[in-house]
PDB file of N, CA and C in Angstrom:
ATOM      1  N   MET A   1     -68.185 -59.785  42.871  1.00  0.00           N
ATOM      2  CA  MET A   1     -69.068 -60.927  42.936  1.00  0.00           C
ATOM      3  C   MET A   1     -70.160 -60.638  43.969  1.00  0.00           C
ATOM      4  N   ILE A   2     -71.376 -61.045  43.665  1.00  0.00           N
ATOM      5  CA  ILE A   2     -72.479 -60.888  44.612  1.00  0.00           C
ATOM      6  C   ILE A   2     -72.847 -62.259  45.152  1.00  0.00           C
ATOM      7  N   ARG A   3     -72.920 -62.353  46.466  1.00  0.00           N
ATOM      8  CA  ARG A   3     -73.352 -63.584  47.125  1.00  0.00           C
ATOM      9  C   ARG A   3     -74.682 -63.305  47.793  1.00  0.00           C
ATOM     10  N   SER A   4     -75.511 -64.307  47.906  1.00  0.00           N
ATOM     11  CA  SER A   4     -76.775 -64.189  48.629  1.00  0.00           C
ATOM     12  C   SER A   4     -76.746 -65.135  49.814  1.00  0.00           C
ATOM     13  N   TYR A   5     -77.270 -64.667  50.936  1.00  0.00           N
ATOM     14  CA  TYR A   5     -77.343 -65.486  52.138  1.00  0.00           C
ATOM     15  C   TYR A   5     -78.801 -65.623  52.560  1.00  0.00           C
ATOM     16  N   THR A   6     -79.120 -66.730  53.155  1.00  0.00           N
ATOM     17  CA  THR A   6     -80.488 -67.032  53.546  1.00  0.00           C
ATOM     18  C   THR A   6     -80.741 -66.585  54.978  1.00  0.00           C
ATOM     19  N   ALA A   7     -81.679 -65.668  55.157  1.00  0.00           N
ATOM     20  CA  ALA A   7     -82.028 -65.164  56.485  1.00  0.00           C
ATOM     21  C   ALA A   7     -83.157 -65.998  57.071  1.00  0.00           C
ATOM     22  N   LYS A   8     -83.009 -66.361  58.338  1.00  0.00           N
ATOM     23  CA  LYS A   8     -84.044 -67.106  59.061  1.00  0.00           C
ATOM     24  C   LYS A   8     -84.442 -66.263  60.270  1.00  0.00           C
ATOM     25  N   TYR A   9     -85.732 -66.009  60.424  1.00  0.00           N
ATOM     26  CA  TYR A   9     -86.234 -65.210  61.535  1.00  0.00           C
ATOM     27  C   TYR A   9     -87.083 -66.077  62.452  1.00  0.00           C
ATOM     28  N   THR A  10     -86.872 -65.896  63.745  1.00  0.00           N
ATOM     29  CA  THR A  10     -87.604 -66.649  64.747  1.00  0.00           C
ATOM     30  C   THR A  10     -88.246 -65.671  65.725  1.00  0.00           C
ATOM     31  N   LYS A  11     -89.521 -65.849  66.006  1.00  0.00           N
ATOM     32  CA  LYS A  11     -90.212 -65.028  67.006  1.00  0.00           C
ATOM     33  C   LYS A  11     -89.743 -65.476  68.386  1.00  0.00           C
ATOM     34  N   ILE A  12     -89.263 -64.526  69.195  1.00  0.00           N
ATOM     35  CA  ILE A  12     -88.818 -64.808  70.556  1.00  0.00           C
ATOM     36  C   ILE A  12     -89.576 -63.880  71.510  1.00  0.00           C
ATOM     37  N   SER A  13     -89.446 -64.108  72.801  1.00  0.00           N
ATOM     38  CA  SER A  13     -90.225 -63.324  73.772  1.00  0.00           C
ATOM     39  C   SER A  13     -89.948 -61.827  73.696  1.00  0.00           C
ATOM     40  N   SER A  14     -88.726 -61.436  73.350  1.00  0.00           N
ATOM     41  CA  SER A  14     -88.385 -60.014  73.284  1.00  0.00           C
ATOM     42  C   SER A  14     -88.555 -59.417  71.894  1.00  0.00           C
ATOM     43  N   GLY A  15     -89.029 -60.204  70.924  1.00  0.00           N
ATOM     44  CA  GLY A  15     -89.217 -59.701  69.562  1.00  0.00           C
ATOM     45  C   GLY A  15     -88.860 -60.753  68.530  1.00  0.00           C
ATOM     46  N   TYR A  16     -87.747 -60.535  67.814  1.00  0.00           N
ATOM     47  CA  TYR A  16     -87.321 -61.445  66.760  1.00  0.00           C
ATOM     48  C   TYR A  16     -85.826 -61.691  66.826  1.00  0.00           C
ATOM     49  N   MET A  17     -85.439 -62.898  66.437  1.00  0.00           N
ATOM     50  CA  MET A  17     -84.034 -63.243  66.281  1.00  0.00           C
ATOM     51  C   MET A  17     -83.820 -63.524  64.801  1.00  0.00           C
ATOM     52  N   GLY A  18     -82.776 -62.952  64.233  1.00  0.00           N
ATOM     53  CA  GLY A  18     -82.432 -63.194  62.835  1.00  0.00           C
ATOM     54  C   GLY A  18     -81.061 -63.840  62.760  1.00  0.00           C
ATOM     55  N   GLN A  19     -80.914 -64.792  61.843  1.00  0.00           N
ATOM     56  CA  GLN A  19     -79.649 -65.506  61.692  1.00  0.00           C
ATOM     57  C   GLN A  19     -79.501 -65.915  60.235  1.00  0.00           C
ATOM     58  N   LEU A  20     -78.265 -65.970  59.762  1.00  0.00           N
ATOM     59  CA  LEU A  20     -78.011 -66.445  58.409  1.00  0.00           C
ATOM     60  C   LEU A  20     -77.792 -67.947  58.439  1.00  0.00           C
ATOM     61  N   VAL A  21     -78.520 -68.657  57.592  1.00  0.00           N
ATOM     62  CA  VAL A  21     -78.456 -70.115  57.567  1.00  0.00           C
ATOM     63  C   VAL A  21     -77.042 -70.588  57.215  1.00  0.00           C
ATOM     64  N   GLU A  22     -76.457 -70.006  56.178  1.00  0.00           N
ATOM     65  CA  GLU A  22     -75.146 -70.444  55.719  1.00  0.00           C
ATOM     66  C   GLU A  22     -73.996 -69.917  56.578  1.00  0.00           C
ATOM     67  N   TRP A  23     -74.278 -68.935  57.415  1.00  0.00           N
ATOM     68  CA  TRP A  23     -73.244 -68.274  58.213  1.00  0.00           C
ATOM     69  C   TRP A  23     -73.816 -68.030  59.612  1.00  0.00           C
ATOM     70  N   PRO A  24     -73.976 -69.070  60.434  1.00  0.00           N
ATOM     71  CA  PRO A  24     -74.678 -68.985  61.719  1.00  0.00           C
ATOM     72  C   PRO A  24     -74.080 -67.991  62.713  1.00  0.00           C
ATOM     73  N   GLU A  25     -72.822 -67.599  62.510  1.00  0.00           N
ATOM     74  CA  GLU A  25     -72.215 -66.617  63.411  1.00  0.00           C
ATOM     75  C   GLU A  25     -72.833 -65.232  63.254  1.00  0.00           C
ATOM     76  N   VAL A  26     -73.517 -64.995  62.122  1.00  0.00           N
ATOM     77  CA  VAL A  26     -74.180 -63.709  61.873  1.00  0.00           C
ATOM     78  C   VAL A  26     -75.593 -63.828  62.442  1.00  0.00           C
ATOM     79  N   ILE A  27     -75.803 -63.189  63.606  1.00  0.00           N
ATOM     80  CA  ILE A  27     -77.066 -63.333  64.337  1.00  0.00           C
ATOM     81  C   ILE A  27     -77.404 -62.005  65.023  1.00  0.00           C
ATOM     82  N   THR A  28     -78.693 -61.671  65.069  1.00  0.00           N
ATOM     83  CA  THR A  28     -79.140 -60.441  65.729  1.00  0.00           C
ATOM     84  C   THR A  28     -80.471 -60.679  66.435  1.00  0.00           C
ATOM     85  N   GLU A  29     -80.834 -59.736  67.296  1.00  0.00           N
ATOM     86  CA  GLU A  29     -82.149 -59.724  67.945  1.00  0.00           C
ATOM     87  C   GLU A  29     -82.674 -58.298  67.933  1.00  0.00           C
ATOM     88  N   ALA A  30     -83.991 -58.151  67.756  1.00  0.00           N
ATOM     89  CA  ALA A  30     -84.617 -56.834  67.760  1.00  0.00           C
ATOM     90  C   ALA A  30     -86.090 -56.977  68.128  1.00  0.00           C
ATOM     91  N   LYS A  31     -86.716 -55.844  68.466  1.00  0.00           N
ATOM     92  CA  LYS A  31     -88.135 -55.861  68.847  1.00  0.00           C
ATOM     93  C   LYS A  31     -89.052 -56.106  67.660  1.00  0.00           C
ATOM     94  N   THR A  32     -88.707 -55.564  66.480  1.00  0.00           N
ATOM     95  CA  THR A  32     -89.557 -55.725  65.300  1.00  0.00           C
ATOM     96  C   THR A  32     -88.809 -56.494  64.218  1.00  0.00           C
ATOM     97  N   ILE A  33     -89.570 -57.096  63.312  1.00  0.00           N
ATOM     98  CA  ILE A  33     -88.961 -57.842  62.209  1.00  0.00           C
ATOM     99  C   ILE A  33     -88.185 -56.897  61.287  1.00  0.00           C
ATOM    100  N   GLU A  34     -88.701 -55.688  61.078  1.00  0.00           N
ATOM    101  CA  GLU A  34     -88.015 -54.727  60.216  1.00  0.00           C
ATOM    102  C   GLU A  34     -86.661 -54.339  60.803  1.00  0.00           C
ATOM    103  N   GLU A  35     -86.644 -54.068  62.103  1.00  0.00           N
ATOM    104  CA  GLU A  35     -85.391 -53.716  62.765  1.00  0.00           C
ATOM    105  C   GLU A  35     -84.425 -54.904  62.752  1.00  0.00           C
ATOM    106  N   CYS A  36     -84.951 -56.098  62.914  1.00  0.00           N
ATOM    107  CA  CYS A  36     -84.116 -57.301  62.892  1.00  0.00           C
ATOM    108  C   CYS A  36     -83.480 -57.478  61.518  1.00  0.00           C
ATOM    109  N   ARG A  37     -84.238 -57.254  60.456  1.00  0.00           N
ATOM    110  CA  ARG A  37     -83.688 -57.345  59.090  1.00  0.00           C
ATOM    111  C   ARG A  37     -82.571 -56.336  58.883  1.00  0.00           C
ATOM    112  N   ARG A  38     -82.810 -55.107  59.317  1.00  0.00           N
ATOM    113  CA  ARG A  38     -81.802 -54.061  59.153  1.00  0.00           C
ATOM    114  C   ARG A  38     -80.531 -54.413  59.928  1.00  0.00           C
ATOM    115  N   MET A  39     -80.713 -54.847  61.156  1.00  0.00           N
ATOM    116  CA  MET A  39     -79.559 -55.194  61.982  1.00  0.00           C
ATOM    117  C   MET A  39     -78.808 -56.403  61.427  1.00  0.00           C
ATOM    118  N   LEU A  40     -79.533 -57.362  60.845  1.00  0.00           N
ATOM    119  CA  LEU A  40     -78.882 -58.528  60.272  1.00  0.00           C
ATOM    120  C   LEU A  40     -78.043 -58.133  59.058  1.00  0.00           C
ATOM    121  N   ARG A  41     -78.567 -57.226  58.245  1.00  0.00           N
ATOM    122  CA  ARG A  41     -77.777 -56.727  57.104  1.00  0.00           C
ATOM    123  C   ARG A  41     -76.512 -56.016  57.601  1.00  0.00           C
ATOM    124  N   ASP A  42     -76.652 -55.191  58.641  1.00  0.00           N
ATOM    125  CA  ASP A  42     -75.483 -54.503  59.212  1.00  0.00           C
ATOM    126  C   ASP A  42     -74.474 -55.502  59.765  1.00  0.00           C
ATOM    127  N   ALA A  43     -74.967 -56.524  60.466  1.00  0.00           N
ATOM    128  CA  ALA A  43     -74.078 -57.550  61.029  1.00  0.00           C
ATOM    129  C   ALA A  43     -73.360 -58.296  59.912  1.00  0.00           C
ATOM    130  N   LEU A  44     -74.051 -58.566  58.818  1.00  0.00           N
ATOM    131  CA  LEU A  44     -73.429 -59.238  57.684  1.00  0.00           C
ATOM    132  C   LEU A  44     -72.330 -58.374  57.081  1.00  0.00           C
ATOM    133  N   ARG A  45     -72.594 -57.104  56.897  1.00  0.00           N
ATOM    134  CA  ARG A  45     -71.560 -56.193  56.357  1.00  0.00           C
ATOM    135  C   ARG A  45     -70.332 -56.169  57.264  1.00  0.00           C
ATOM    136  N   GLU A  46     -70.551 -56.116  58.563  1.00  0.00           N
ATOM    137  CA  GLU A  46     -69.429 -56.102  59.514  1.00  0.00           C
ATOM    138  C   GLU A  46     -68.643 -57.411  59.465  1.00  0.00           C
ATOM    139  N   MET A  47     -69.347 -58.538  59.355  1.00  0.00           N
ATOM    140  CA  MET A  47     -68.668 -59.832  59.295  1.00  0.00           C
ATOM    141  C   MET A  47     -67.859 -59.949  58.009  1.00  0.00           C
ATOM    142  N   ILE A  48     -68.416 -59.497  56.899  1.00  0.00           N
ATOM    143  CA  ILE A  48     -67.689 -59.526  55.622  1.00  0.00           C
ATOM    144  C   ILE A  48     -66.430 -58.682  55.728  1.00  0.00           C
ATOM    145  N   SER A  49     -66.550 -57.500  56.314  1.00  0.00           N
ATOM    146  CA  SER A  49     -65.392 -56.624  56.494  1.00  0.00           C
ATOM    147  C   SER A  49     -64.315 -57.303  57.343  1.00  0.00           C
ATOM    148  N   ALA A  50     -64.725 -57.929  58.432  1.00  0.00           N
ATOM    149  CA  ALA A  50     -63.759 -58.611  59.312  1.00  0.00           C
ATOM    150  C   ALA A  50     -63.086 -59.771  58.583  1.00  0.00           C
ATOM    151  N   TYR A  51     -63.849 -60.531  57.823  1.00  0.00           N
ATOM    152  CA  TYR A  51     -63.279 -61.662  57.085  1.00  0.00           C
ATOM    153  C   TYR A  51     -62.293 -61.170  56.032  1.00  0.00           C
ATOM    154  N   LYS A  52     -62.625 -60.072  55.337  1.00  0.00           N
ATOM    155  CA  LYS A  52     -61.707 -59.514  54.332  1.00  0.00           C
ATOM    156  C   LYS A  52     -60.410 -59.061  54.988  1.00  0.00           C
ATOM    157  N   GLN A  53     -60.499 -58.380  56.133  1.00  0.00           N
ATOM    158  CA  GLN A  53     -59.303 -57.909  56.836  1.00  0.00           C
ATOM    159  C   GLN A  53     -58.407 -59.059  57.251  1.00  0.00           C
ATOM    160  N   GLN A  54     -59.010 -60.205  57.576  1.00  0.00           N
ATOM    161  CA  GLN A  54     -58.254 -61.368  58.023  1.00  0.00           C
ATOM    162  C   GLN A  54     -57.944 -62.325  56.873  1.00  0.00           C
ATOM    163  N   SER A  55     -58.320 -61.954  55.651  1.00  0.00           N
ATOM    164  CA  SER A  55     -58.129 -62.796  54.463  1.00  0.00           C
ATOM    165  C   SER A  55     -58.727 -64.189  54.644  1.00  0.00           C
ATOM    166  N   LYS A  56     -59.893 -64.250  55.270  1.00  0.00           N
ATOM    167  CA  LYS A  56     -60.587 -65.518  55.485  1.00  0.00           C
ATOM    168  C   LYS A  56     -61.602 -65.744  54.366  1.00  0.00           C
ATOM    169  N   GLU A  57     -61.853 -66.998  54.040  1.00  0.00           N
ATOM    170  CA  GLU A  57     -62.834 -67.373  53.031  1.00  0.00           C
ATOM    171  C   GLU A  57     -64.247 -67.245  53.610  1.00  0.00           C
ATOM    172  N   MET A  58     -65.123 -66.536  52.887  1.00  0.00           N
ATOM    173  CA  MET A  58     -66.503 -66.379  53.330  1.00  0.00           C
ATOM    174  C   MET A  58     -67.334 -67.582  52.900  1.00  0.00           C
ATOM    175  N   PRO A  59     -68.331 -67.966  53.692  1.00  0.00           N
ATOM    176  CA  PRO A  59     -69.204 -69.076  53.309  1.00  0.00           C
ATOM    177  C   PRO A  59     -69.951 -68.775  52.012  1.00  0.00           C
ATOM    178  N   LEU A  60     -70.232 -69.808  51.246  1.00  0.00           N
ATOM    179  CA  LEU A  60     -71.033 -69.642  50.037  1.00  0.00           C
ATOM    180  C   LEU A  60     -72.472 -69.395  50.437  1.00  0.00           C
ATOM    181  N   GLY A  61     -73.179 -68.631  49.654  1.00  0.00           N
ATOM    182  CA  GLY A  61     -74.563 -68.298  49.965  1.00  0.00           C
ATOM    183  C   GLY A  61     -75.543 -69.167  49.213  1.00  0.00           C
ATOM    184  N   GLY A  62     -76.829 -68.915  49.465  1.00  0.00           N
ATOM    185  CA  GLY A  62     -77.916 -69.633  48.820  1.00  0.00           C
ATOM    186  C   GLY A  62     -79.093 -68.712  48.609  1.00  0.00           C
ATOM    187  N   ASP A  63     -80.221 -69.235  48.208  1.00  0.00           N
ATOM    188  CA  ASP A  63     -81.399 -68.420  47.921  1.00  0.00           C
ATOM    189  C   ASP A  63     -82.677 -69.073  48.421  1.00  0.00           C
ATOM    190  N   LEU A  64     -82.693 -69.656  49.615  1.00  0.00           N
ATOM    191  CA  LEU A  64     -83.832 -70.465  50.028  1.00  0.00           C
ATOM    192  C   LEU A  64     -84.973 -69.692  50.666  1.00  0.00           C
ATOM    193  N   ILE A  65     -84.693 -68.844  51.664  1.00  0.00           N
ATOM    194  CA  ILE A  65     -85.779 -68.214  52.406  1.00  0.00           C
ATOM    195  C   ILE A  65     -85.881 -66.728  52.060  1.00  0.00           C
ATOM    196  N   GLU A  66     -84.881 -65.964  52.391  1.00  0.00           N
ATOM    197  CA  GLU A  66     -84.868 -64.536  52.069  1.00  0.00           C
ATOM    198  C   GLU A  66     -83.464 -64.159  51.655  1.00  0.00           C
ATOM    199  N   PRO A  67     -83.206 -64.069  50.354  1.00  0.00           N
ATOM    200  CA  PRO A  67     -81.853 -63.731  49.915  1.00  0.00           C
ATOM    201  C   PRO A  67     -81.453 -62.340  50.401  1.00  0.00           C
ATOM    202  N   MET A  68     -80.217 -62.229  50.863  1.00  0.00           N
ATOM    203  CA  MET A  68     -79.660 -60.942  51.276  1.00  0.00           C
ATOM    204  C   MET A  68     -78.409 -60.707  50.446  1.00  0.00           C
ATOM    205  N   PRO A  69     -78.541 -60.117  49.226  1.00  0.00           N
ATOM    206  CA  PRO A  69     -77.380 -59.924  48.378  1.00  0.00           C
ATOM    207  C   PRO A  69     -76.395 -58.945  48.999  1.00  0.00           C
ATOM    208  N   VAL A  70     -75.142 -59.288  48.895  1.00  0.00           N
ATOM    209  CA  VAL A  70     -74.068 -58.455  49.422  1.00  0.00           C
ATOM    210  C   VAL A  70     -72.906 -58.547  48.461  1.00  0.00           C
ATOM    211  N   GLU A  71     -72.323 -57.403  48.106  1.00  0.00           N
ATOM    212  CA  GLU A  71     -71.144 -57.437  47.250  1.00  0.00           C
ATOM    213  C   GLU A  71     -69.970 -57.932  48.061  1.00  0.00           C
ATOM    214  N   ALA A  72     -69.252 -58.909  47.521  1.00  0.00           N
ATOM    215  CA  ALA A  72     -68.090 -59.477  48.215  1.00  0.00           C
ATOM    216  C   ALA A  72     -66.816 -58.984  47.592  1.00  0.00           C
TER     217      ALA A  72
END
């Protein structure tokens, strides 16, 4: 199954903060928007892996701002 999550980016003094709307625990910061996107995808993969290991239910995704498809 493929789920999509909505990425929200905020300009901060040190660069950008990225966070998933449906899964607020997935959050990153980076100097550039491109690096922030990459790091957010990596953080999402790590969170999915941790949730699978713990047999936890992952939040449902959406498609509002920037979909980030991930195989679940």
